[in-house]
C-alpha cells in the first residue's frame, strides 16, 4: 500500500519544539499519549513514528496543530504515512493501518 500524503501546512505558522500525539491500538483497545521532540521518533506497537516538525498558528497556539509525521513499519520499513497531519481535521490526513491509529493532539510549545 502506498503511504498517505497529506496536505501542505498553511503559511504564517510558528515552529514548535515538538508535538503531543495520541496512539490507539484498535485490537487491544488501548490509547497512549506520545510526546515527541522535533526530529525524534518512538516505537508504537509495530510502528515507528517520527516527527519532522510541528507548526501552530502564532496568534492562537491552542487552536490547531500541523505535524509532519513519517510512520513506518518498525520491522520492514514499509511506509504507512508521510506528510502533514492536522489536529483539527484528523480524517483529512489519516494514518491508514489495520491495527493502529495515530493522530495529532497539539504542538509542544516550551
Protein backbone atom coordinates (compact mmCIF):
# COMPACT_ATOMS: atom_id res chain seq x y z
CA UNK A 1 0.00 0.00 0.00
CA UNK A 2 1.25 3.45 -0.77
CA UNK A 3 1.81 5.85 2.09
CA UNK A 4 -0.81 8.54 2.60
CA UNK A 5 0.33 12.03 1.71
CA UNK A 6 -1.36 14.87 3.49
CA UNK A 7 -1.97 18.47 2.55
CA UNK A 8 0.62 21.19 2.94
CA UNK A 9 0.62 23.28 6.11
CA UNK A 10 -0.55 26.87 5.58
CA UNK A 11 1.87 29.79 5.57
CA UNK A 12 2.43 32.01 8.60
CA UNK A 13 2.69 29.30 11.24
CA UNK A 14 5.07 29.28 14.19
CA UNK A 15 7.52 26.44 14.70
CA UNK A 16 7.19 24.29 17.84
CA UNK A 17 9.83 22.17 19.53
CA UNK A 18 7.75 19.02 19.42
CA UNK A 19 4.27 17.53 19.35
CA UNK A 20 1.77 15.66 21.50
CA UNK A 21 0.21 12.72 19.66
CA UNK A 22 -2.25 10.00 20.62
CA UNK A 23 -1.95 6.41 19.52
CA UNK A 24 -4.70 3.80 19.54
CA UNK A 25 -4.30 0.03 19.32
CA UNK A 26 -7.63 -0.95 17.73
CA UNK A 27 -7.17 -4.63 18.63
CA UNK A 28 -6.18 -4.25 22.29
CA UNK A 29 -8.37 -1.16 22.70
CA UNK A 30 -5.70 0.88 24.47
CA UNK A 31 -4.82 4.50 23.81
CA UNK A 32 -1.49 6.08 24.74
CA UNK A 33 -0.27 9.66 24.68
CA UNK A 34 3.02 10.19 22.85
CA UNK A 35 5.25 13.25 23.22
CA UNK A 36 7.94 13.71 20.59
CA UNK A 37 10.62 16.33 20.16
CA UNK A 38 11.22 17.69 16.67
CA UNK A 39 13.44 15.20 14.86
CA UNK A 40 12.60 12.46 17.36
CA UNK A 41 10.99 9.08 16.88
CA UNK A 42 9.28 6.47 19.04
CA UNK A 43 8.09 2.90 18.64
CA UNK A 44 4.33 2.44 18.94
CA UNK A 45 3.33 -1.19 18.64
CA UNK A 46 4.90 -2.44 15.40
CA UNK A 47 5.19 1.12 14.05
CA UNK A 48 7.96 3.70 14.19
CA UNK A 49 6.58 7.25 14.46
CA UNK A 50 8.96 10.09 13.56
CA UNK A 51 8.21 13.82 13.94
CA UNK A 52 9.90 16.06 11.40
CA UNK A 53 8.23 19.27 12.62
CA UNK A 54 5.15 20.74 14.28
CA UNK A 55 3.67 24.15 13.44
CA UNK A 56 0.84 26.13 15.00
CA UNK A 57 -0.98 29.46 14.49
CA UNK A 58 1.20 32.01 16.32
CA UNK A 59 -1.76 34.19 17.27
CA UNK A 60 -3.69 31.25 18.80
CA UNK A 61 -1.40 28.34 19.74
CA UNK A 62 -4.23 26.25 21.19
CA UNK A 63 -6.38 26.47 18.04
CA UNK A 64 -4.66 23.91 15.81
CA UNK A 65 -1.50 21.95 15.11
CA UNK A 66 0.15 20.74 11.91
CA UNK A 67 2.65 17.92 12.42
CA UNK A 68 4.82 16.44 9.69
CA UNK A 69 4.96 12.75 10.56
CA UNK A 70 6.65 9.77 9.00
CA UNK A 71 5.11 6.47 10.15
CA UNK A 72 6.71 3.20 9.08
CA UNK A 73 6.65 -0.47 9.99
CA UNK A 74 9.48 -0.88 12.52
CA UNK A 75 10.49 -4.30 11.15
CA UNK A 76 10.18 -3.87 7.38
CA UNK A 77 10.49 -0.09 6.92
CA UNK A 78 7.25 -0.03 4.88
CA UNK A 79 5.84 3.49 4.90
CA UNK A 80 2.26 3.94 6.12
CA UNK A 81 2.18 7.74 6.34
CA UNK A 82 4.48 10.56 5.29
CA UNK A 83 3.19 14.11 5.38
CA UNK A 84 1.30 16.73 7.34
CA UNK A 85 -1.28 15.54 9.85
CA UNK A 86 -3.70 18.23 11.03
CA UNK A 87 -5.08 18.23 14.58
CA UNK A 88 -8.50 19.77 13.88
CA UNK A 89 -9.07 17.68 10.71
CA UNK A 90 -7.84 14.17 11.57
CA UNK A 91 -9.83 12.48 8.78
CA UNK A 92 -8.31 14.78 6.13
CA UNK A 93 -4.86 13.23 6.56
CA UNK A 94 -5.17 9.98 8.49
CA UNK A 95 -2.91 7.03 9.05
CA UNK A 96 -4.23 4.03 7.10
CA UNK A 97 -3.30 0.99 9.17
CA UNK A 98 -5.39 -2.06 10.04
CA UNK A 99 -4.38 -2.13 13.73
CA UNK A 100 -3.13 1.31 14.78
CA UNK A 101 -4.36 4.88 14.67
CA UNK A 102 -2.09 7.85 15.38
CA UNK A 103 -3.26 11.45 15.42
CA UNK A 104 -2.00 14.90 16.45
CA UNK A 105 -3.33 16.48 19.63
CA UNK A 106 -1.27 19.71 19.73
CA UNK A 107 2.21 21.11 19.32
CA UNK A 108 4.59 21.09 22.28
CA UNK A 109 5.33 24.74 22.99
CA UNK A 110 8.02 25.38 25.59
